[in-house]
């Protein structure tokens, strides 16, 4: 049983490494990657995500989220648009090419 777990874990880690390489996430630190993955998870579950959702889901501070999202936006990984309903809020989306 333990061997099966180790093998499955190794396969998952290899898959994650391949995804990070494919989407150019290798150069980012663990915090940045967690924010990216949390955004992807939120978008998958709810088909939308804003800054407040990301802060709540990730557990990181507003400052850390904003800095990371701005970095991702500059790098062409994330699109940030002001919400029509609440001008204080920003909606997020992943850019996939």
Protein backbone atom coordinates (compact mmCIF):
# COMPACT_ATOMS: atom_id res chain seq x y z
CA UNK A 1 0.00 0.00 0.00
CA UNK A 2 2.76 2.49 0.90
CA UNK A 3 4.55 1.75 -2.38
CA UNK A 4 1.37 2.47 -4.36
CA UNK A 5 1.03 5.82 -2.58
CA UNK A 6 4.64 6.73 -3.36
CA UNK A 7 4.20 5.79 -7.01
CA UNK A 8 0.96 7.77 -7.32
CA UNK A 9 2.54 10.78 -5.62
CA UNK A 10 5.54 10.62 -7.95
CA UNK A 11 3.22 10.55 -10.97
CA UNK A 12 1.29 13.57 -9.69
CA UNK A 13 4.49 15.52 -9.05
CA UNK A 14 5.76 14.69 -12.52
CA UNK A 15 2.46 15.86 -14.00
CA UNK A 16 2.67 19.09 -11.99
CA UNK A 17 6.22 19.70 -13.19
CA UNK A 18 5.10 19.21 -16.78
CA UNK A 19 2.22 21.66 -16.29
CA UNK A 20 4.56 24.25 -14.75
CA UNK A 21 6.89 23.93 -17.72
CA UNK A 22 4.07 24.07 -20.26
CA UNK A 23 2.55 27.23 -18.74
CA UNK A 24 5.88 28.92 -17.92
CA UNK A 25 5.42 28.76 -14.15
CA UNK A 26 8.83 27.28 -13.37
CA UNK A 27 10.44 30.66 -12.58
CA UNK A 28 7.82 31.63 -10.00
CA UNK A 29 8.17 31.01 -6.26
CA UNK A 30 5.86 28.73 -4.27
CA UNK A 31 3.62 31.59 -3.09
CA UNK A 32 3.11 32.81 -6.64
CA UNK A 33 2.38 29.30 -7.87
CA UNK A 34 -0.15 28.74 -5.07
CA UNK A 35 -1.92 31.97 -6.03
CA UNK A 36 -1.99 30.89 -9.69
CA UNK A 37 -3.34 27.43 -8.80
CA UNK A 38 -5.92 28.92 -6.43
CA UNK A 39 -7.10 31.27 -9.17
CA UNK A 40 -7.37 28.34 -11.60
CA UNK A 41 -9.30 26.29 -9.02
CA UNK A 42 -11.71 29.15 -8.29
CA UNK A 43 -12.32 29.71 -12.01
CA UNK A 44 -12.92 25.99 -12.50
CA UNK A 45 -15.42 25.76 -9.65
CA UNK A 46 -17.23 29.07 -10.01
CA UNK A 47 -16.28 30.14 -13.58
CA UNK A 48 -15.40 33.53 -12.13
CA UNK A 49 -12.98 34.91 -9.56
CA UNK A 50 -12.26 38.35 -8.20
CA UNK A 51 -9.50 39.67 -5.96
CA UNK A 52 -11.58 39.23 -2.80
CA UNK A 53 -12.34 35.59 -3.69
CA UNK A 54 -8.66 34.94 -4.30
CA UNK A 55 -7.64 36.50 -0.99
CA UNK A 56 -10.22 34.41 0.85
CA UNK A 57 -9.34 31.16 -0.92
CA UNK A 58 -5.57 31.47 -0.79
CA UNK A 59 -5.12 32.85 2.71
CA UNK A 60 -2.56 35.38 1.50
CA UNK A 61 -2.71 39.09 2.26
CA UNK A 62 -4.30 41.60 -0.10
CA UNK A 63 -0.86 43.09 -0.72
CA UNK A 64 0.67 39.74 -1.69
CA UNK A 65 -2.26 38.97 -4.00
CA UNK A 66 -2.11 42.35 -5.74
CA UNK A 67 1.67 42.22 -6.23
CA UNK A 68 1.48 38.70 -7.63
CA UNK A 69 -1.49 39.41 -9.90
CA UNK A 70 0.26 42.52 -11.25
CA UNK A 71 3.35 40.39 -11.94
CA UNK A 72 1.24 37.75 -13.70
CA UNK A 73 -0.54 40.44 -15.67
CA UNK A 74 2.79 41.93 -16.82
CA UNK A 75 3.96 38.45 -17.83
CA UNK A 76 0.76 37.76 -19.79
CA UNK A 77 -0.57 35.01 -17.52
CA UNK A 78 -3.57 36.78 -16.00
CA UNK A 79 -6.07 39.39 -17.13
CA UNK A 80 -7.49 41.78 -14.54
CA UNK A 81 -10.58 43.88 -15.30
CA UNK A 82 -12.51 46.26 -13.11
CA UNK A 83 -15.91 44.92 -12.11
CA UNK A 84 -18.91 46.64 -13.67
CA UNK A 85 -21.04 46.08 -10.58
CA UNK A 86 -18.49 47.17 -7.95
CA UNK A 87 -15.80 49.60 -9.14
CA UNK A 88 -13.67 48.70 -6.09
CA UNK A 89 -13.40 45.08 -7.23
CA UNK A 90 -11.37 43.43 -9.99
CA UNK A 91 -12.33 40.28 -11.86
CA UNK A 92 -9.55 37.89 -12.84
CA UNK A 93 -9.08 35.45 -15.68
CA UNK A 94 -6.24 33.24 -16.87
CA UNK A 95 -4.69 33.90 -20.24
CA UNK A 96 -3.98 30.67 -22.06
CA UNK A 97 -2.22 30.58 -25.39
